[in-house]
Protein backbone atom coordinates (compact mmCIF):
# COMPACT_ATOMS: atom_id res chain seq x y z
CA MET A 1 79.37 105.92 119.49
CA SER A 2 80.05 108.29 122.36
CA ILE A 3 83.18 108.69 124.41
CA THR A 4 82.95 109.74 128.04
CA ASP A 5 85.42 109.71 130.91
CA THR A 6 84.31 107.61 133.83
CA GLY A 7 87.75 106.91 135.23
CA GLY A 8 89.97 108.59 137.77
CA PRO A 9 89.30 109.69 141.33
CA PRO A 10 87.12 112.75 141.90
CA ASN A 11 88.80 115.98 142.87
CA ARG A 12 88.36 116.73 146.55
CA ARG A 13 87.96 120.27 147.77
CA ALA A 14 89.87 121.21 150.88
CA PRO A 15 88.10 123.24 153.58
CA ASN A 16 87.98 126.95 152.81
CA SER A 17 89.29 126.24 149.33
CA SER A 18 89.24 129.14 146.88
CA ARG A 19 89.28 127.00 143.77
CA HIS A 20 87.06 127.91 140.86
CA PRO A 21 83.59 126.32 141.13
CA ALA A 22 84.07 124.65 137.76
CA ALA A 23 86.59 122.32 139.35
CA ASP A 24 84.34 121.17 142.18
CA THR A 25 82.55 118.36 140.36
CA GLY A 26 85.48 116.26 139.23
CA ARG A 27 87.10 117.14 135.94
CA PHE A 28 84.11 119.05 134.69
CA GLY A 29 81.42 121.10 136.32
CA GLY A 30 79.78 124.48 136.79
CA LEU A 31 78.09 124.45 133.36
CA PRO A 32 74.58 124.06 132.00
CA ARG A 33 73.36 120.52 131.34
CA GLY A 34 75.04 118.94 128.31
CA VAL A 35 78.15 121.16 128.38
CA ALA A 36 81.23 119.88 130.18
CA VAL A 37 84.58 121.62 130.42
CA HIS A 38 87.99 120.95 131.83
CA PRO A 39 88.96 123.22 134.74
CA LEU A 40 91.74 124.67 132.59
CA ASP A 41 89.07 126.09 130.31
CA ALA A 42 87.03 127.78 133.03
CA GLY A 43 88.59 131.19 132.47
CA TRP A 44 88.03 131.04 128.72
CA LEU A 45 84.29 130.41 128.61
CA PRO A 46 82.06 132.97 126.91
CA ARG A 47 80.81 135.69 129.27
CA SER A 48 77.26 134.68 128.40
CA MET A 49 77.88 131.47 130.38
CA GLY A 50 78.56 133.43 133.54
CA GLN A 51 82.35 133.04 133.51
CA THR A 52 85.06 135.68 133.55
CA ARG A 53 88.23 135.53 131.53
CA THR A 54 90.99 134.83 134.04
CA ALA A 55 93.65 133.25 131.82
CA ARG A 56 96.26 135.45 130.25
CA THR A 57 95.74 136.36 126.60
CA GLY A 58 98.94 135.68 124.70
CA SER A 59 100.01 136.19 121.11
CA LEU A 60 98.90 133.80 118.40
CA VAL A 61 102.25 132.01 118.51
CA GLN A 62 102.03 131.63 122.29
CA ASN A 63 98.47 130.32 122.11
CA LEU A 64 99.10 127.72 119.41
CA ALA A 65 98.88 124.17 120.74
CA SER A 66 101.30 121.35 119.95
CA HIS A 67 98.83 119.70 117.56
CA ASP A 68 98.43 123.05 115.77
CA TRP A 69 102.19 123.16 115.27
CA VAL A 70 102.23 119.58 113.99
CA LEU A 71 99.86 120.53 111.17
CA ILE A 72 101.66 123.81 110.41
CA VAL A 73 105.06 122.10 110.20
CA TYR A 74 103.57 119.26 108.15
CA LEU A 75 101.99 121.52 105.52
CA SER A 76 105.10 123.71 105.40
CA ALA A 77 107.24 120.60 104.83
CA LEU A 78 104.96 119.54 101.95
CA ILE A 79 105.40 122.95 100.31
CA LEU A 80 109.18 122.87 100.82
CA ALA A 81 109.41 119.37 99.36
CA LEU A 82 107.40 120.47 96.33
CA VAL A 83 109.64 123.50 95.82
CA PHE A 84 112.67 121.20 95.53
CA GLY A 85 110.78 118.37 93.83
CA ARG A 86 111.82 116.76 90.57
CA GLY A 87 108.45 115.78 89.08
CA GLN A 88 105.72 117.45 87.10
CA GLY A 89 102.74 119.31 88.49
CA ARG A 90 104.65 120.94 91.33
CA ILE A 91 103.15 124.41 90.86
CA VAL A 92 99.56 123.21 91.08
CA SER A 93 100.34 121.13 94.15
CA ILE A 94 102.12 124.06 95.81
CA GLU A 95 99.05 126.21 95.24
CA ARG A 96 96.73 123.61 96.75
CA VAL A 97 98.83 122.97 99.83
CA SER A 98 99.30 126.72 100.28
CA VAL A 99 95.52 127.09 100.34
CA ASP A 100 95.37 124.36 103.00
CA LEU A 101 97.98 126.17 105.10
CA ALA A 102 96.33 129.57 104.65
CA ALA A 103 92.94 128.16 105.69
CA LEU A 104 94.48 126.56 108.77
CA LEU A 105 96.29 129.75 109.80
CA PHE A 106 93.17 131.85 109.24
CA VAL A 107 91.04 129.66 111.49
CA LEU A 108 93.78 129.41 114.10
CA ALA A 109 93.95 133.21 114.20
CA ILE A 110 90.19 133.48 114.67
CA VAL A 111 90.03 130.86 117.40
CA ARG A 112 93.34 131.29 119.20
CA LEU A 113 93.50 135.10 119.55
CA PRO A 114 90.44 134.63 120.10
CA LEU A 115 88.27 136.69 117.76
CA LEU A 116 85.43 134.23 118.29
CA PRO A 117 84.38 133.58 121.91
CA TRP A 118 86.44 130.74 123.30
CA ALA A 119 84.46 127.49 123.70
CA SER A 120 81.47 128.89 121.84
CA PRO A 121 79.69 126.52 119.45
CA ALA A 122 81.04 128.49 116.49
CA SER A 123 84.70 128.35 117.55
CA SER A 124 84.51 124.74 118.74
CA LEU A 125 82.96 123.41 115.55
CA LEU A 126 85.05 125.60 113.22
CA TYR A 127 88.31 124.65 114.93
CA ARG A 128 87.69 120.92 114.99
CA SER A 129 86.32 120.79 111.45
CA THR A 130 89.33 122.71 110.11
CA LEU A 131 91.89 120.39 111.71
CA LEU A 132 90.17 117.35 110.24
CA GLY A 133 89.45 119.00 106.88
CA VAL A 134 93.02 120.17 106.31
CA LEU A 135 94.45 116.74 107.07
CA LEU A 136 91.96 115.00 104.77
CA ALA A 137 92.53 117.54 101.99
CA SER A 138 96.29 117.03 102.09
CA PHE A 139 95.84 113.25 101.97
CA PHE A 140 93.70 113.38 98.83
CA GLN A 141 96.25 115.74 97.28
CA LEU A 142 99.06 113.21 97.82
CA ARG A 143 98.17 111.50 94.55
CA GLU A 144 99.58 114.57 92.77
CA ILE A 145 102.10 115.60 95.44
CA LEU A 146 104.05 112.33 95.59
CA PRO A 147 104.96 112.07 91.87
CA ALA A 148 105.64 115.83 91.82
CA VAL A 149 108.21 115.44 94.61
CA SER A 150 109.61 111.99 93.76
CA PRO A 151 108.78 110.75 90.25
CA GLY A 152 110.65 107.47 90.78
CA ALA A 153 109.90 104.45 92.97
CA ASP A 154 112.04 102.48 95.40
CA ASP A 155 110.35 99.07 95.06
CA ALA A 156 113.53 97.35 93.92
CA ARG A 157 115.50 98.54 96.94
CA ILE A 158 112.66 97.80 99.37
CA TYR A 159 112.23 94.27 98.01
CA ALA A 160 115.98 93.67 98.09
CA PHE A 161 116.08 94.93 101.69
CA ASP A 162 113.38 92.48 102.77
CA LEU A 163 115.14 89.56 101.12
CA HIS A 164 118.51 90.52 102.58
CA VAL A 165 117.32 91.21 106.14
CA PHE A 166 114.38 88.84 106.55
CA GLY A 167 115.14 86.23 103.91
CA PHE A 168 111.67 86.27 102.35
CA GLU A 169 108.79 88.49 101.26
CA PRO A 170 105.50 87.70 103.10
CA SER A 171 103.25 88.58 100.16
CA VAL A 172 105.05 86.01 98.01
CA TRP A 173 104.98 83.36 100.74
CA LEU A 174 101.26 83.96 101.36
CA ASP A 175 100.50 83.41 97.67
CA ARG A 176 100.01 79.69 98.37
CA PHE A 177 96.97 80.48 100.55
CA VAL A 178 95.18 82.69 98.03
CA SER A 179 91.60 81.70 97.25
CA PRO A 180 88.31 83.58 96.79
CA VAL A 181 87.42 82.89 100.43
CA THR A 182 90.71 84.05 101.96
CA THR A 183 90.86 87.05 99.65
CA GLU A 184 87.39 88.16 100.68
CA TRP A 185 88.15 87.59 104.36
CA PHE A 186 91.20 89.85 104.36
CA ALA A 187 89.57 92.37 102.00
CA PHE A 188 86.79 92.76 104.58
CA PHE A 189 89.26 93.68 107.31
CA TYR A 190 91.34 95.84 105.00
CA PHE A 191 88.25 97.87 104.13
CA LEU A 192 87.24 97.96 107.80
CA TYR A 193 90.23 100.25 108.33
CA PHE A 194 88.15 103.23 107.22
CA LEU A 195 85.33 102.44 109.64
CA ILE A 196 87.74 101.93 112.53
CA LEU A 197 89.27 105.34 111.91
CA ALA A 198 85.86 107.00 111.67
CA VAL A 199 84.40 105.50 114.86
CA HIS A 200 87.44 106.61 116.83
CA ILE A 201 88.45 109.94 115.36
CA LEU A 202 85.03 111.54 114.88
CA PRO A 203 83.68 110.88 118.40
CA ALA A 204 87.02 111.85 119.95
CA LEU A 205 87.16 115.08 118.01
CA PHE A 206 83.53 116.15 118.33
CA ALA A 207 82.25 114.49 121.51
CA LEU A 208 85.09 113.65 123.89
CA GLN A 209 84.70 115.69 127.07
CA ASP A 210 87.95 114.78 128.83
CA LEU A 211 90.33 117.37 127.35
CA ARG A 212 93.35 115.65 128.84
CA VAL A 213 92.59 112.44 126.95
CA LEU A 214 91.71 114.46 123.84
CA GLY A 215 95.06 116.24 124.04
CA GLN A 216 96.92 112.94 124.10
CA PHE A 217 94.83 111.52 121.28
CA GLY A 218 95.11 114.64 119.13
CA VAL A 219 98.89 114.85 119.21
CA GLY A 220 99.36 111.10 118.75
CA ILE A 221 96.99 110.56 115.84
CA LEU A 222 98.29 113.63 114.00
CA LEU A 223 101.87 112.44 114.42
CA VAL A 224 100.89 109.10 112.89
CA PHE A 225 99.30 110.54 109.77
CA THR A 226 101.54 113.56 109.12
CA THR A 227 104.73 111.54 109.62
CA ALA A 228 103.50 108.81 107.30
CA HIS A 229 102.53 111.31 104.60
CA LEU A 230 105.97 112.92 104.73
CA LEU A 231 107.79 109.57 104.64
CA TYR A 232 105.86 108.63 101.49
CA MET A 233 107.93 111.28 99.71
CA VAL A 234 111.19 109.91 101.11
CA VAL A 235 110.52 106.24 100.27
CA PRO A 236 108.02 106.11 97.38
CA GLY A 237 106.88 102.76 96.05
CA TRP A 238 104.02 100.95 94.35
CA GLY A 239 104.01 97.81 96.47
CA PRO A 240 104.23 94.08 95.67
CA TYR A 241 100.85 94.07 93.91
CA TRP A 242 102.42 95.96 91.03
CA TYR A 243 106.15 95.40 91.31
CA LEU A 244 106.02 91.63 91.92
CA GLN A 245 102.96 90.84 89.82
CA THR A 246 104.86 88.36 87.64
CA THR A 247 106.07 86.50 90.76
CA PHE A 248 102.64 85.42 92.02
CA HIS A 249 101.04 82.19 90.83
CA ASN A 250 97.51 82.84 92.12
CA GLU A 251 95.45 85.83 91.13
CA LEU A 252 93.45 87.61 93.82
CA HIS A 253 89.74 87.00 93.31
CA GLY A 254 87.08 87.94 95.81
CA GLY A 255 83.56 89.19 96.14
CA PHE A 256 81.95 92.36 97.41
CA PHE A 257 84.69 93.57 99.75
CA TRP A 258 87.58 92.84 97.39
CA LYS A 259 85.78 94.93 94.81
CA LEU A 260 85.34 97.75 97.37
CA VAL A 261 89.02 97.64 98.26
CA ARG A 262 90.11 97.84 94.63
CA GLU A 263 87.72 100.72 93.94
CA ALA A 264 88.82 102.61 97.06
CA VAL A 265 92.51 102.23 96.23
CA ASP A 266 92.02 103.20 92.60
CA ALA A 267 89.77 106.18 93.36
CA GLY A 268 91.16 107.71 96.54
CA GLY A 269 94.54 106.15 97.19
CA ALA A 270 97.75 108.15 96.99
CA GLN A 271 99.25 105.25 94.96
CA LYS A 272 102.94 105.42 95.96
CA ASP A 273 102.05 105.44 99.66
CA ILE A 274 103.56 102.26 101.05
CA PHE A 275 106.29 103.25 103.54
CA PRO A 276 105.23 103.21 106.29
CA SER A 277 101.98 101.25 106.12
CA LEU A 278 99.23 103.53 107.41
CA HIS A 279 96.87 100.56 107.43
CA THR A 280 99.24 99.22 110.07
CA ALA A 281 100.15 102.44 111.89
CA GLY A 282 96.66 103.95 112.22
CA PRO A 283 94.77 100.95 113.69
CA THR A 284 97.77 99.94 115.80
CA TYR A 285 97.89 103.39 117.36
CA LEU A 286 94.16 103.18 118.10
CA ALA A 287 94.63 99.74 119.68
CA ILE A 288 97.46 101.01 121.88
CA PHE A 289 95.46 104.09 122.86
CA SER A 290 92.37 102.02 123.62
CA PHE A 291 94.35 99.60 125.78
CA ARG A 292 96.05 102.39 127.73
CA HIS A 293 92.65 103.98 128.43
CA ARG A 294 90.80 100.72 128.99
CA ARG A 295 89.45 101.93 132.34
CA ILE A 296 87.11 104.41 130.67
CA ALA A 297 84.20 103.90 128.28
CA PRO A 298 84.04 102.91 125.50
CA PHE A 299 87.63 101.65 125.44
CA LYS A 300 87.08 99.12 128.22
CA TYR A 301 84.60 97.39 125.92
CA THR A 302 86.22 97.96 122.55
CA TRP A 303 89.95 97.41 123.02
CA PRO A 304 89.88 93.58 122.65
CA VAL A 305 87.80 93.87 119.47
CA ILE A 306 90.09 96.54 118.03
CA ALA A 307 93.15 94.47 118.91
CA PHE A 308 91.79 91.48 116.96
CA PHE A 309 90.82 93.66 113.99
CA VAL A 310 94.30 95.15 113.91
CA THR A 311 95.96 91.74 113.61
CA GLN A 312 93.75 90.90 110.64
CA ILE A 313 94.32 94.28 108.98
CA ILE A 314 98.10 93.90 109.27
CA ILE A 315 97.99 90.43 107.70
CA ALA A 316 95.64 91.80 105.03
CA THR A 317 98.17 94.46 103.96
CA LEU A 318 100.60 91.64 103.17
CA PHE A 319 98.12 89.05 101.89
CA LEU A 320 96.53 91.51 99.45
CA ARG A 321 100.03 92.48 98.29
CA TRP A 322 99.82 96.19 99.10
CA HIS A 323 102.86 96.31 101.38
CA TYR A 324 106.32 94.87 101.91
CA LEU A 325 107.33 93.54 105.32
CA VAL A 326 109.50 96.56 106.12
CA ASP A 327 106.48 98.82 105.45
CA VAL A 328 104.52 97.01 108.15
CA LEU A 329 107.40 97.13 110.64
CA ALA A 330 107.78 100.84 109.98
CA GLY A 331 104.05 101.28 110.62
CA LEU A 332 104.30 99.45 113.94
CA THR A 333 107.27 101.60 114.95
CA LEU A 334 105.45 104.77 113.99
CA ALA A 335 102.32 103.82 115.96
CA THR A 336 104.29 102.95 119.09
CA SER A 337 106.42 106.09 118.90
CA ALA A 338 103.39 108.33 118.37
CA ALA A 339 101.62 106.77 121.36
CA VAL A 340 104.58 107.48 123.65
CA ILE A 341 105.39 110.94 122.29
CA GLY A 342 101.75 112.03 122.06
CA ASP A 343 101.06 111.23 125.71
CA ARG A 344 104.19 112.94 126.98
CA VAL A 345 103.83 116.05 124.85
CA ALA A 346 100.16 116.51 125.70
CA LEU A 347 100.69 116.14 129.46
CA TRP A 348 103.72 118.44 129.37
CA GLU A 349 101.72 121.03 127.45
CA ILE A 350 98.74 120.90 129.83
CA ALA A 351 101.02 121.42 132.82
CA LYS A 352 102.89 124.27 131.12
CA ARG A 353 99.74 126.11 130.04
CA GLU A 354 98.23 125.72 133.50
CA ARG A 355 101.40 127.00 135.13
CA LEU A 356 101.63 130.04 132.84
CA GLY A 357 97.89 130.70 132.82
CA ARG A 358 97.77 130.33 129.06
CA GLN A 359 94.85 129.40 126.83
CA PRO A 360 94.16 125.63 126.96
CA ALA A 361 95.19 123.42 124.06
CA TRP A 362 91.56 122.45 123.41
CA MET A 363 88.24 124.09 124.09
CA PRO A 364 85.44 121.76 125.19
CA PRO A 365 83.03 120.59 122.48
CA ALA A 366 79.99 122.88 122.43
CA TYR A 367 76.87 122.92 120.29
CA PRO A 368 73.83 125.21 120.20
CA TRP A 369 71.53 122.44 121.45
CA SER A 370 73.77 121.73 124.44
CA ARG A 371 73.07 125.11 126.07
C-alpha cells in the first residue's frame, strides 16, 4: 500500500520570484526521479544531490522535533515510574528501558546534529527504524514493567465505576449473544487490529512523501501509544475476562481467529493493559486521520472501510471480555485528543522551524534505489 499526496492547490511562482527551485513543482520538486522532498528540506539535502545547506545548524536540543520529545519524555517517565515502583523486577526493567532511551538518543544525535548527511538513505532509514523499534521494544517490555511499577490491579474499582455510572457492564450484557459464530466474527476483527496498524503506520513512516501530513500523523500516533502505555501503570487491570469469569454463563468458543487472538494475547500482550483500550484508541485515531485527509490517496478510498472495521473492533473488545466500558470511552477520548493535538502541534512546529530556518522535523524518505 502506498501513500501519496494528490490534494491541495499547486504552489504558484510569482514573476521574478527568487524562491528555491525545489518549491516550484508543488510541494516537492527539484530532485531525481523517485525522490520527493518538502521545500523545508531543500537546504538540508546532501551536497551530492546538488543542494547547498541553507538552514541554520542548531544544537541537538534545538533540532529535536516534537515527536522526538514525545518518545524521550515517554521513556524517561517509564524509568522514573520504575524507580518509585513497588513490584519485583524493577532493576531489570530499568536497565532495558535505559537501553531503549540510550539507543534513541544516540540515533537522534547522529541524525539531528547531523553527523550523517541529512535526507540520505542511511539517515532516513536509521531514523525511522529507530523510532518504530524503540516504541515496539517498550511495548513488549510492558509485561515486566507493569507489575514492577504496580503489582496490584484495579478491576474491582473499574467494575464498580461502570455499574455506578452506566448501570451495567457491556461484556456481561453481551454474554447472551455468545456463540461460536459470533465469537469468531468478533475475534476476526479484534485480530485485524494488528493488520490495520501495519498498513497505516509502515507506509506512512517509510513511504509518505508529504512531510506535513507525516508530521501530523507522527505526533498523533505517538501520543496515542505513549499515553496509553503510561496510563496502564496508573490504572492497571486484568479485564472482565479474568475478573468476572464466574459471572458469565456462556464460554467463548471460536475457530481459527479466536485461537489466534488467545495466542497473541498470551504471547505478546502486556496483560494488565486495559485502561485505556488501545484496540479502541489506535484504530479510532486512524479512522479520524483517514477521514480528515480523505481528499488524498489512499484515504479517500479507505476511510469508509476503516470506519466500519473500527466499530467492529470496539464491540469486539467488549464482546470478547477484554475491556470494561470505561476503558473503551477512555480510548475514544485519547484518540480524539491525539488527533486534535497532533495536527496543531505539527503545524505549529513546521511554521516555527520555517520561520527560524531550523532543521525540518522530518527528512524525506530516501533509499539507494530511488537515486
